[in-house]
């Protein structure tokens, strides 16, 4: 119960019941978004829920389930879902993604042929690809946790204070 709202304006759900309703709604939203993503970009590898009250559903959702777009047999696809346990972990995931993305650049490449499918449905035949800045394969990229990268910043800030 919210202490400032009048009782007659509040739903009669316990915290566990409200969390169960929220988890069901989040599951439906994730399933719909994963299906839409699949139809535009291809199957996602993993889904991360960041922000909002997502951490309330930690441990309640483990995968997105949706019918494969353009499947005449009604095949289902499952994608793992990761929900962080707290806000600080969510921030670490987002910052790690930004730091990891800083190792890449966009490269324009030309696609041969006049067929729009060969050109990736782009205007003028350009196709853009993410490539590493130093030419190394992606599997050789260092994955350093954000907390390890923040240590030098924290030490500098502590000396200036």
Foldseek 3Di string as FASTA:
>chain_A
DDPPDDPVVDDPDDPVRVLVVVLVVVQVVVLVVQQVCCVPPRHDQEAEDADDVQLSCAVVDFWHWYFHPPDPVRDIDIHTYHYDNDNVVSVQVVVLVVVLLVQKDKDKDFFDDDDCVSLVVDPPRIDIDIAGPVRDDSVPDDRDGPVVVCVVVVVVVVVVD
